[in-house]
Amino acid sequence: MSVVVRIPAPLRIKAGGQRQIELAAPTLAALLGEMEAAYPGITERLRREDGTLRHTLNIYVNGESIRFLQGLQTPLQDGDEVSIVPAIAGGGLGLPWST
């Protein structure tokens, strides 16, 4: 079973510069474990110390947010595509028009 994981630019250094990797895992949680085993340090920017995903991160399985699926327990199948997308934060920058 092989799942394609699209790696965002900030994490590519941890993945040997690759834009995507292929791994096998039955769930998203297991996939993150496989990613860490294959590329040590890659998941430290994805998870908090307690193992939960950072809120500044969006993960999609076949284009569907895991927030609307089963979170880390989302099952994966051969040929699935997982995209890791850092959230883009907005808000005021202290500029006069941002009040």
PDB file of N, CA and C in Angstrom:
ATOM      1  N   MET A   1       0.849  -1.177   0.000  1.00  0.00           N
ATOM      2  CA  MET A   1       0.000   0.000   0.000  1.00  0.00           C
ATOM      3  C   MET A   1       0.888   1.230   0.000  1.00  0.00           C
ATOM      4  N   SER A   2       0.626   2.155  -0.888  1.00  0.00           N
ATOM      5  CA  SER A   2       1.448   3.345  -1.006  1.00  0.00           C
ATOM      6  C   SER A   2       0.576   4.593  -1.027  1.00  0.00           C
ATOM      7  N   VAL A   3       0.940   5.562  -0.195  1.00  0.00           N
ATOM      8  CA  VAL A   3       0.244   6.838  -0.106  1.00  0.00           C
ATOM      9  C   VAL A   3       1.231   7.925  -0.499  1.00  0.00           C
ATOM     10  N   VAL A   4       0.805   8.847  -1.340  1.00  0.00           N
ATOM     11  CA  VAL A   4       1.640   9.969  -1.747  1.00  0.00           C
ATOM     12  C   VAL A   4       1.421  11.111  -0.761  1.00  0.00           C
ATOM     13  N   VAL A   5       2.513  11.639  -0.226  1.00  0.00           N
ATOM     14  CA  VAL A   5       2.449  12.758   0.712  1.00  0.00           C
ATOM     15  C   VAL A   5       3.105  13.955   0.051  1.00  0.00           C
ATOM     16  N   ARG A   6       2.348  15.008  -0.134  1.00  0.00           N
ATOM     17  CA  ARG A   6       2.884  16.260  -0.699  1.00  0.00           C
ATOM     18  C   ARG A   6       3.501  17.068   0.441  1.00  0.00           C
ATOM     19  N   ILE A   7       4.759  17.393   0.291  1.00  0.00           N
ATOM     20  CA  ILE A   7       5.529  18.074   1.333  1.00  0.00           C
ATOM     21  C   ILE A   7       5.595  19.576   1.040  1.00  0.00           C
ATOM     22  N   PRO A   8       5.180  20.427   1.995  1.00  0.00           N
ATOM     23  CA  PRO A   8       5.270  21.874   1.780  1.00  0.00           C
ATOM     24  C   PRO A   8       6.732  22.334   1.821  1.00  0.00           C
ATOM     25  N   ALA A   9       6.996  23.432   1.175  1.00  0.00           N
ATOM     26  CA  ALA A   9       8.366  23.947   1.063  1.00  0.00           C
ATOM     27  C   ALA A   9       9.103  24.037   2.399  1.00  0.00           C
ATOM     28  N   PRO A  10       8.478  24.525   3.490  1.00  0.00           N
ATOM     29  CA  PRO A  10       9.231  24.624   4.750  1.00  0.00           C
ATOM     30  C   PRO A  10       9.698  23.283   5.319  1.00  0.00           C
ATOM     31  N   LEU A  11       9.084  22.180   4.927  1.00  0.00           N
ATOM     32  CA  LEU A  11       9.472  20.866   5.449  1.00  0.00           C
ATOM     33  C   LEU A  11      10.363  20.079   4.507  1.00  0.00           C
ATOM     34  N   ARG A  12      10.562  20.568   3.318  1.00  0.00           N
ATOM     35  CA  ARG A  12      11.321  19.795   2.324  1.00  0.00           C
ATOM     36  C   ARG A  12      12.754  19.532   2.739  1.00  0.00           C
ATOM     37  N   ILE A  13      13.350  20.421   3.500  1.00  0.00           N
ATOM     38  CA  ILE A  13      14.725  20.197   3.953  1.00  0.00           C
ATOM     39  C   ILE A  13      14.806  18.935   4.801  1.00  0.00           C
ATOM     40  N   LYS A  14      13.747  18.649   5.559  1.00  0.00           N
ATOM     41  CA  LYS A  14      13.706  17.444   6.390  1.00  0.00           C
ATOM     42  C   LYS A  14      13.418  16.191   5.558  1.00  0.00           C
ATOM     43  N   ALA A  15      12.909  16.386   4.337  1.00  0.00           N
ATOM     44  CA  ALA A  15      12.575  15.258   3.448  1.00  0.00           C
ATOM     45  C   ALA A  15      13.585  15.140   2.312  1.00  0.00           C
ATOM     46  N   GLY A  16      14.789  15.610   2.542  1.00  0.00           N
ATOM     47  CA  GLY A  16      15.825  15.505   1.521  1.00  0.00           C
ATOM     48  C   GLY A  16      15.538  16.335   0.291  1.00  0.00           C
ATOM     49  N   GLY A  17      14.749  17.409   0.457  1.00  0.00           N
ATOM     50  CA  GLY A  17      14.439  18.301  -0.644  1.00  0.00           C
ATOM     51  C   GLY A  17      13.294  17.820  -1.530  1.00  0.00           C
ATOM     52  N   GLN A  18      12.695  16.706  -1.191  1.00  0.00           N
ATOM     53  CA  GLN A  18      11.639  16.142  -2.026  1.00  0.00           C
ATOM     54  C   GLN A  18      10.317  16.908  -1.873  1.00  0.00           C
ATOM     55  N   ARG A  19       9.610  17.044  -2.990  1.00  0.00           N
ATOM     56  CA  ARG A  19       8.289  17.678  -2.988  1.00  0.00           C
ATOM     57  C   ARG A  19       7.207  16.706  -2.555  1.00  0.00           C
ATOM     58  N   GLN A  20       7.452  15.430  -2.770  1.00  0.00           N
ATOM     59  CA  GLN A  20       6.511  14.403  -2.344  1.00  0.00           C
ATOM     60  C   GLN A  20       7.268  13.140  -2.001  1.00  0.00           C
ATOM     61  N   ILE A  21       6.661  12.381  -1.105  1.00  0.00           N
ATOM     62  CA  ILE A  21       7.230  11.095  -0.711  1.00  0.00           C
ATOM     63  C   ILE A  21       6.116  10.056  -0.766  1.00  0.00           C
ATOM     64  N   GLU A  22       6.500   8.802  -0.839  1.00  0.00           N
ATOM     65  CA  GLU A  22       5.521   7.716  -0.833  1.00  0.00           C
ATOM     66  C   GLU A  22       5.818   6.794   0.333  1.00  0.00           C
ATOM     67  N   LEU A  23       4.786   6.548   1.127  1.00  0.00           N
ATOM     68  CA  LEU A  23       4.903   5.676   2.287  1.00  0.00           C
ATOM     69  C   LEU A  23       3.659   4.812   2.384  1.00  0.00           C
ATOM     70  N   ALA A  24       3.716   3.809   3.212  1.00  0.00           N
ATOM     71  CA  ALA A  24       2.564   2.938   3.430  1.00  0.00           C
ATOM     72  C   ALA A  24       2.130   3.044   4.884  1.00  0.00           C
ATOM     73  N   ALA A  25       0.822   3.231   5.101  1.00  0.00           N
ATOM     74  CA  ALA A  25       0.275   3.297   6.449  1.00  0.00           C
ATOM     75  C   ALA A  25      -1.241   3.171   6.377  1.00  0.00           C
ATOM     76  N   PRO A  26      -1.855   2.544   7.380  1.00  0.00           N
ATOM     77  CA  PRO A  26      -3.302   2.363   7.364  1.00  0.00           C
ATOM     78  C   PRO A  26      -4.101   3.583   7.817  1.00  0.00           C
ATOM     79  N   THR A  27      -3.478   4.485   8.593  1.00  0.00           N
ATOM     80  CA  THR A  27      -4.157   5.687   9.076  1.00  0.00           C
ATOM     81  C   THR A  27      -3.210   6.882   8.975  1.00  0.00           C
ATOM     82  N   LEU A  28      -3.766   8.062   9.125  1.00  0.00           N
ATOM     83  CA  LEU A  28      -2.941   9.268   9.097  1.00  0.00           C
ATOM     84  C   LEU A  28      -1.956   9.265  10.262  1.00  0.00           C
ATOM     85  N   ALA A  29      -2.393   8.857  11.445  1.00  0.00           N
ATOM     86  CA  ALA A  29      -1.495   8.798  12.603  1.00  0.00           C
ATOM     87  C   ALA A  29      -0.306   7.877  12.312  1.00  0.00           C
ATOM     88  N   ALA A  30      -0.591   6.728  11.738  1.00  0.00           N
ATOM     89  CA  ALA A  30       0.486   5.791  11.393  1.00  0.00           C
ATOM     90  C   ALA A  30       1.390   6.373  10.315  1.00  0.00           C
ATOM     91  N   LEU A  31       0.801   7.118   9.380  1.00  0.00           N
ATOM     92  CA  LEU A  31       1.589   7.749   8.323  1.00  0.00           C
ATOM     93  C   LEU A  31       2.576   8.754   8.911  1.00  0.00           C
ATOM     94  N   LEU A  32       2.128   9.544   9.887  1.00  0.00           N
ATOM     95  CA  LEU A  32       3.042  10.494  10.523  1.00  0.00           C
ATOM     96  C   LEU A  32       4.174   9.763  11.224  1.00  0.00           C
ATOM     97  N   GLY A  33       3.876   8.618  11.817  1.00  0.00           N
ATOM     98  CA  GLY A  33       4.929   7.797  12.428  1.00  0.00           C
ATOM     99  C   GLY A  33       5.917   7.282  11.401  1.00  0.00           C
ATOM    100  N   GLU A  34       5.406   6.844  10.262  1.00  0.00           N
ATOM    101  CA  GLU A  34       6.275   6.367   9.178  1.00  0.00           C
ATOM    102  C   GLU A  34       7.134   7.507   8.625  1.00  0.00           C
ATOM    103  N   MET A  35       6.528   8.698   8.518  1.00  0.00           N
ATOM    104  CA  MET A  35       7.290   9.863   8.042  1.00  0.00           C
ATOM    105  C   MET A  35       8.446  10.159   8.988  1.00  0.00           C
ATOM    106  N   GLU A  36       8.171  10.116  10.284  1.00  0.00           N
ATOM    107  CA  GLU A  36       9.207  10.409  11.276  1.00  0.00           C
ATOM    108  C   GLU A  36      10.308   9.353  11.242  1.00  0.00           C
ATOM    109  N   ALA A  37       9.921   8.092  11.056  1.00  0.00           N
ATOM    110  CA  ALA A  37      10.921   7.016  10.991  1.00  0.00           C
ATOM    111  C   ALA A  37      11.816   7.161   9.755  1.00  0.00           C
ATOM    112  N   ALA A  38      11.212   7.549   8.631  1.00  0.00           N
ATOM    113  CA  ALA A  38      11.970   7.672   7.385  1.00  0.00           C
ATOM    114  C   ALA A  38      12.761   8.978   7.304  1.00  0.00           C
ATOM    115  N   TYR A  39      12.213  10.038   7.900  1.00  0.00           N
ATOM    116  CA  TYR A  39      12.821  11.370   7.824  1.00  0.00           C
ATOM    117  C   TYR A  39      12.806  11.993   9.222  1.00  0.00           C
ATOM    118  N   PRO A  40      13.745  11.608  10.080  1.00  0.00           N
ATOM    119  CA  PRO A  40      13.746  12.087  11.466  1.00  0.00           C
ATOM    120  C   PRO A  40      13.652  13.610  11.565  1.00  0.00           C
ATOM    121  N   GLY A  41      12.738  14.050  12.433  1.00  0.00           N
ATOM    122  CA  GLY A  41      12.553  15.481  12.662  1.00  0.00           C
ATOM    123  C   GLY A  41      11.480  16.117  11.807  1.00  0.00           C
ATOM    124  N   ILE A  42      10.948  15.398  10.821  1.00  0.00           N
ATOM    125  CA  ILE A  42       9.990  16.012   9.899  1.00  0.00           C
ATOM    126  C   ILE A  42       8.663  16.343  10.578  1.00  0.00           C
ATOM    127  N   THR A  43       8.260  15.559  11.569  1.00  0.00           N
ATOM    128  CA  THR A  43       6.948  15.800  12.169  1.00  0.00           C
ATOM    129  C   THR A  43       6.988  16.739  13.372  1.00  0.00           C
ATOM    130  N   GLU A  44       8.163  17.153  13.789  1.00  0.00           N
ATOM    131  CA  GLU A  44       8.232  18.029  14.963  1.00  0.00           C
ATOM    132  C   GLU A  44       7.548  19.373  14.710  1.00  0.00           C
ATOM    133  N   ARG A  45       7.456  19.781  13.464  1.00  0.00           N
ATOM    134  CA  ARG A  45       6.770  21.031  13.147  1.00  0.00           C
ATOM    135  C   ARG A  45       5.290  20.807  12.852  1.00  0.00           C
ATOM    136  N   LEU A  46       4.863  19.544  12.847  1.00  0.00           N
ATOM    137  CA  LEU A  46       3.469  19.222  12.579  1.00  0.00           C
ATOM    138  C   LEU A  46       2.679  18.975  13.867  1.00  0.00           C
ATOM    139  N   ARG A  47       3.365  18.467  14.881  1.00  0.00           N
ATOM    140  CA  ARG A  47       2.697  18.076  16.123  1.00  0.00           C
ATOM    141  C   ARG A  47       3.196  18.884  17.314  1.00  0.00           C
ATOM    142  N   ARG A  48       2.326  18.989  18.291  1.00  0.00           N
ATOM    143  CA  ARG A  48       2.720  19.555  19.582  1.00  0.00           C
ATOM    144  C   ARG A  48       3.390  18.439  20.395  1.00  0.00           C
ATOM    145  N   GLU A  49       3.886  18.798  21.567  1.00  0.00           N
ATOM    146  CA  GLU A  49       4.549  17.809  22.421  1.00  0.00           C
ATOM    147  C   GLU A  49       3.604  16.699  22.855  1.00  0.00           C
ATOM    148  N   ASP A  50       2.300  17.001  22.967  1.00  0.00           N
ATOM    149  CA  ASP A  50       1.339  15.982  23.388  1.00  0.00           C
ATOM    150  C   ASP A  50       0.866  15.100  22.228  1.00  0.00           C
ATOM    151  N   GLY A  51       1.397  15.334  21.022  1.00  0.00           N
ATOM    152  CA  GLY A  51       1.069  14.512  19.865  1.00  0.00           C
ATOM    153  C   GLY A  51      -0.057  15.042  18.998  1.00  0.00           C
ATOM    154  N   THR A  52      -0.774  16.045  19.475  1.00  0.00           N
ATOM    155  CA  THR A  52      -1.852  16.612  18.671  1.00  0.00           C
ATOM    156  C   THR A  52      -1.276  17.480  17.560  1.00  0.00           C
ATOM    157  N   LEU A  53      -2.051  17.647  16.509  1.00  0.00           N
ATOM    158  CA  LEU A  53      -1.601  18.473  15.387  1.00  0.00           C
ATOM    159  C   LEU A  53      -1.661  19.951  15.755  1.00  0.00           C
ATOM    160  N   ARG A  54      -0.732  20.695  15.215  1.00  0.00           N
ATOM    161  CA  ARG A  54      -0.733  22.140  15.433  1.00  0.00           C
ATOM    162  C   ARG A  54      -1.924  22.762  14.712  1.00  0.00           C
ATOM    163  N   HIS A  55      -2.491  23.804  15.310  1.00  0.00           N
ATOM    164  CA  HIS A  55      -3.648  24.481  14.721  1.00  0.00           C
ATOM    165  C   HIS A  55      -3.273  25.274  13.473  1.00  0.00           C
ATOM    166  N   THR A  56      -2.003  25.543  13.297  1.00  0.00           N
ATOM    167  CA  THR A  56      -1.535  26.313  12.146  1.00  0.00           C
ATOM    168  C   THR A  56      -1.243  25.420  10.954  1.00  0.00           C
ATOM    169  N   LEU A  57      -1.860  24.269  10.944  1.00  0.00           N
ATOM    170  CA  LEU A  57      -1.583  23.272   9.926  1.00  0.00           C
ATOM    171  C   LEU A  57      -2.888  22.687   9.414  1.00  0.00           C
ATOM    172  N   ASN A  58      -2.966  22.491   8.122  1.00  0.00           N
ATOM    173  CA  ASN A  58      -4.108  21.821   7.516  1.00  0.00           C
ATOM    174  C   ASN A  58      -3.592  20.593   6.789  1.00  0.00           C
ATOM    175  N   ILE A  59      -4.285  19.479   6.992  1.00  0.00           N
ATOM    176  CA  ILE A  59      -3.923  18.243   6.293  1.00  0.00           C
ATOM    177  C   ILE A  59      -5.154  17.768   5.540  1.00  0.00           C
ATOM    178  N   TYR A  60      -4.939  17.408   4.290  1.00  0.00           N
ATOM    179  CA  TYR A  60      -6.019  16.956   3.416  1.00  0.00           C
ATOM    180  C   TYR A  60      -5.716  15.551   2.915  1.00  0.00           C
ATOM    181  N   VAL A  61      -6.747  14.728   2.867  1.00  0.00           N
ATOM    182  CA  VAL A  61      -6.639  13.405   2.253  1.00  0.00           C
ATOM    183  C   VAL A  61      -7.553  13.427   1.041  1.00  0.00           C
ATOM    184  N   ASN A  62      -6.941  13.303  -0.120  1.00  0.00           N
ATOM    185  CA  ASN A  62      -7.687  13.374  -1.387  1.00  0.00           C
ATOM    186  C   ASN A  62      -8.526  14.642  -1.481  1.00  0.00           C
ATOM    187  N   GLY A  63      -7.953  15.751  -1.017  1.00  0.00           N
ATOM    188  CA  GLY A  63      -8.619  17.047  -1.118  1.00  0.00           C
ATOM    189  C   GLY A  63      -9.618  17.351  -0.019  1.00  0.00           C
ATOM    190  N   GLU A  64      -9.838  16.431   0.912  1.00  0.00           N
ATOM    191  CA  GLU A  64     -10.795  16.618   2.001  1.00  0.00           C
ATOM    192  C   GLU A  64     -10.033  16.854   3.306  1.00  0.00           C
ATOM    193  N   SER A  65     -10.398  17.934   4.005  1.00  0.00           N
ATOM    194  CA  SER A  65      -9.743  18.246   5.268  1.00  0.00           C
ATOM    195  C   SER A  65      -9.984  17.134   6.282  1.00  0.00           C
ATOM    196  N   ILE A  66      -8.932  16.744   6.995  1.00  0.00           N
ATOM    197  CA  ILE A  66      -9.091  15.697   7.999  1.00  0.00           C
ATOM    198  C   ILE A  66      -9.974  16.169   9.147  1.00  0.00           C
ATOM    199  N   ARG A  67     -10.184  17.479   9.253  1.00  0.00           N
ATOM    200  CA  ARG A  67     -11.089  18.008  10.281  1.00  0.00           C
ATOM    201  C   ARG A  67     -12.522  17.532  10.036  1.00  0.00           C
ATOM    202  N   PHE A  68     -12.846  17.232   8.788  1.00  0.00           N
ATOM    203  CA  PHE A  68     -14.178  16.762   8.436  1.00  0.00           C
ATOM    204  C   PHE A  68     -14.210  15.255   8.210  1.00  0.00           C
ATOM    205  N   LEU A  69     -13.063  14.621   8.416  1.00  0.00           N
ATOM    206  CA  LEU A  69     -12.972  13.170   8.304  1.00  0.00           C
ATOM    207  C   LEU A  69     -12.834  12.615   9.721  1.00  0.00           C
ATOM    208  N   GLN A  70     -11.827  11.834   9.969  1.00  0.00           N
ATOM    209  CA  GLN A  70     -11.637  11.243  11.298  1.00  0.00           C
ATOM    210  C   GLN A  70     -10.353  11.711  11.966  1.00  0.00           C
ATOM    211  N   GLY A  71      -9.903  12.907  11.608  1.00  0.00           N
ATOM    212  CA  GLY A  71      -8.692  13.447  12.209  1.00  0.00           C
ATOM    213  C   GLY A  71      -7.506  12.534  11.981  1.00  0.00           C
ATOM    214  N   LEU A  72      -6.713  12.329  13.016  1.00  0.00           N
ATOM    215  CA  LEU A  72      -5.535  11.478  12.902  1.00  0.00           C
ATOM    216  C   LEU A  72      -5.895  10.022  12.643  1.00  0.00           C
ATOM    217  N   GLN A  73      -7.118   9.646  12.939  1.00  0.00           N
ATOM    218  CA  GLN A  73      -7.545   8.254  12.711  1.00  0.00           C
ATOM    219  C   GLN A  73      -8.143   8.055  11.318  1.00  0.00           C
ATOM    220  N   THR A  74      -8.042   9.046  10.451  1.00  0.00           N
ATOM    221  CA  THR A  74      -8.538   8.921   9.079  1.00  0.00           C
ATOM    222  C   THR A  74      -7.852   7.743   8.404  1.00  0.00           C
ATOM    223  N   PRO A  75      -8.638   6.784   7.905  1.00  0.00           N
ATOM    224  CA  PRO A  75      -8.034   5.639   7.226  1.00  0.00           C
ATOM    225  C   PRO A  75      -7.454   6.034   5.868  1.00  0.00           C
ATOM    226  N   LEU A  76      -6.385   5.366   5.496  1.00  0.00           N
ATOM    227  CA  LEU A  76      -5.731   5.611   4.210  1.00  0.00           C
ATOM    228  C   LEU A  76      -5.766   4.336   3.385  1.00  0.00           C
ATOM    229  N   GLN A  77      -5.854   4.535   2.073  1.00  0.00           N
ATOM    230  CA  GLN A  77      -5.864   3.409   1.149  1.00  0.00           C
ATOM    231  C   GLN A  77      -4.788   3.611   0.094  1.00  0.00           C
ATOM    232  N   ASP A  78      -4.441   2.530  -0.549  1.00  0.00           N
ATOM    233  CA  ASP A  78      -3.462   2.574  -1.620  1.00  0.00           C
ATOM    234  C   ASP A  78      -3.875   3.620  -2.655  1.00  0.00           C
ATOM    235  N   GLY A  79      -2.953   4.505  -3.006  1.00  0.00           N
ATOM    236  CA  GLY A  79      -3.226   5.523  -4.009  1.00  0.00           C
ATOM    237  C   GLY A  79      -3.737   6.835  -3.452  1.00  0.00           C
ATOM    238  N   ASP A  80      -4.017   6.902  -2.140  1.00  0.00           N
ATOM    239  CA  ASP A  80      -4.480   8.165  -1.559  1.00  0.00           C
ATOM    240  C   ASP A  80      -3.384   9.218  -1.643  1.00  0.00           C
ATOM    241  N   GLU A  81      -3.805  10.466  -1.628  1.00  0.00           N
ATOM    242  CA  GLU A  81      -2.880  11.593  -1.640  1.00  0.00           C
ATOM    243  C   GLU A  81      -3.112  12.442  -0.399  1.00  0.00           C
ATOM    244  N   VAL A  82      -2.050  12.656   0.356  1.00  0.00           N
ATOM    245  CA  VAL A  82      -2.102  13.467   1.569  1.00  0.00           C
ATOM    246  C   VAL A  82      -1.335  14.753   1.296  1.00  0.00           C
ATOM    247  N   SER A  83      -2.002  15.880   1.546  1.00  0.00           N
ATOM    248  CA  SER A  83      -1.365  17.183   1.363  1.00  0.00           C
ATOM    249  C   SER A  83      -1.234  17.867   2.714  1.00  0.00           C
ATOM    250  N   ILE A  84      -0.046  18.344   3.010  1.00  0.00           N
ATOM    251  CA  ILE A  84       0.218  19.086   4.238  1.00  0.00           C
ATOM    252  C   ILE A  84       0.330  20.549   3.842  1.00  0.00           C
ATOM    253  N   VAL A  85      -0.555  21.375   4.403  1.00  0.00           N
ATOM    254  CA  VAL A  85      -0.612  22.778   4.015  1.00  0.00           C
ATOM    255  C   VAL A  85      -0.523  23.662   5.253  1.00  0.00           C
ATOM    256  N   PRO A  86       0.566  24.423   5.399  1.00  0.00           N
ATOM    257  CA  PRO A  86       0.638  25.360   6.517  1.00  0.00           C
ATOM    258  C   PRO A  86      -0.455  26.412   6.365  1.00  0.00           C
ATOM    259  N   ALA A  87      -1.132  26.720   7.465  1.00  0.00           N
ATOM    260  CA  ALA A  87      -2.178  27.738   7.431  1.00  0.00           C
ATOM    261  C   ALA A  87      -1.544  29.102   7.221  1.00  0.00           C
ATOM    262  N   ILE A  88      -2.257  29.935   6.504  1.00  0.00           N
ATOM    263  CA  ILE A  88      -1.802  31.303   6.283  1.00  0.00           C
ATOM    264  C   ILE A  88      -2.584  32.184   7.235  1.00  0.00           C
ATOM    265  N   ALA A  89      -1.866  32.810   8.139  1.00  0.00           N
ATOM    266  CA  ALA A  89      -2.512  33.648   9.145  1.00  0.00           C
ATOM    267  C   ALA A  89      -2.703  35.056   8.612  1.00  0.00           C
ATOM    268  N   GLY A  90      -3.790  35.646   8.994  1.00  0.00           N
ATOM    269  CA  GLY A  90      -4.069  37.029   8.609  1.00  0.00           C
ATOM    270  C   GLY A  90      -4.214  37.853   9.860  1.00  0.00           C
ATOM    271  N   GLY A  91      -4.546  39.093   9.649  1.00  0.00           N
ATOM    272  CA  GLY A  91      -4.771  39.947  10.811  1.00  0.00           C
ATOM    273  C   GLY A  91      -3.988  41.227  10.691  1.00  0.00           C
ATOM    274  N   GLY A  92      -4.163  42.018  11.680  1.00  0.00           N
ATOM    275  CA  GLY A  92      -3.533  43.323  11.691  1.00  0.00           C
ATOM    276  C   GLY A  92      -2.038  43.261  11.889  1.00  0.00           C
ATOM    277  N   LEU A  93      -1.361  44.163  11.252  1.00  0.00           N
ATOM    278  CA  LEU A  93       0.096  44.247  11.375  1.00  0.00           C
ATOM    279  C   LEU A  93       0.490  45.537  12.080  1.00  0.00           C
ATOM    280  N   GLY A  94      -0.500  46.147  12.749  1.00  0.00           N
ATOM    281  CA  GLY A  94      -0.205  47.406  13.422  1.00  0.00           C
ATOM    282  C   GLY A  94      -0.224  48.581  12.463  1.00  0.00           C
ATOM    283  N   LEU A  95      -0.705  48.379  11.243  1.00  0.00           N
ATOM    284  CA  LEU A  95      -0.805  49.443  10.276  1.00  0.00           C
ATOM    285  C   LEU A  95      -2.100  50.215  10.489  1.00  0.00           C
ATOM    286  N   PRO A  96      -2.171  51.472  10.135  1.00  0.00           N
ATOM    287  CA  PRO A  96      -3.353  52.287  10.417  1.00  0.00           C
ATOM    288  C   PRO A  96      -4.640  51.710   9.830  1.00  0.00           C
ATOM    289  N   TRP A  97      -4.593  51.048   8.699  1.00  0.00           N
ATOM    290  CA  TRP A  97      -5.807  50.551   8.080  1.00  0.00           C
ATOM    291  C   TRP A  97      -6.216  49.171   8.601  1.00  0.00           C
ATOM    292  N   SER A  98      -5.454  48.612   9.535  1.00  0.00           N
ATOM    293  CA  SER A  98      -5.774  47.279  10.032  1.00  0.00           C
ATOM    294  C   SER A  98      -6.487  47.321  11.387  1.00  0.00           C
ATOM    295  N   THR A  99      -6.985  48.472  11.790  1.00  0.00           N
ATOM    296  CA  THR A  99      -7.669  48.562  13.082  1.00  0.00           C
ATOM    297  C   THR A  99      -9.139  48.268  12.956  1.00  0.00           C
TER     298      THR A  99
END
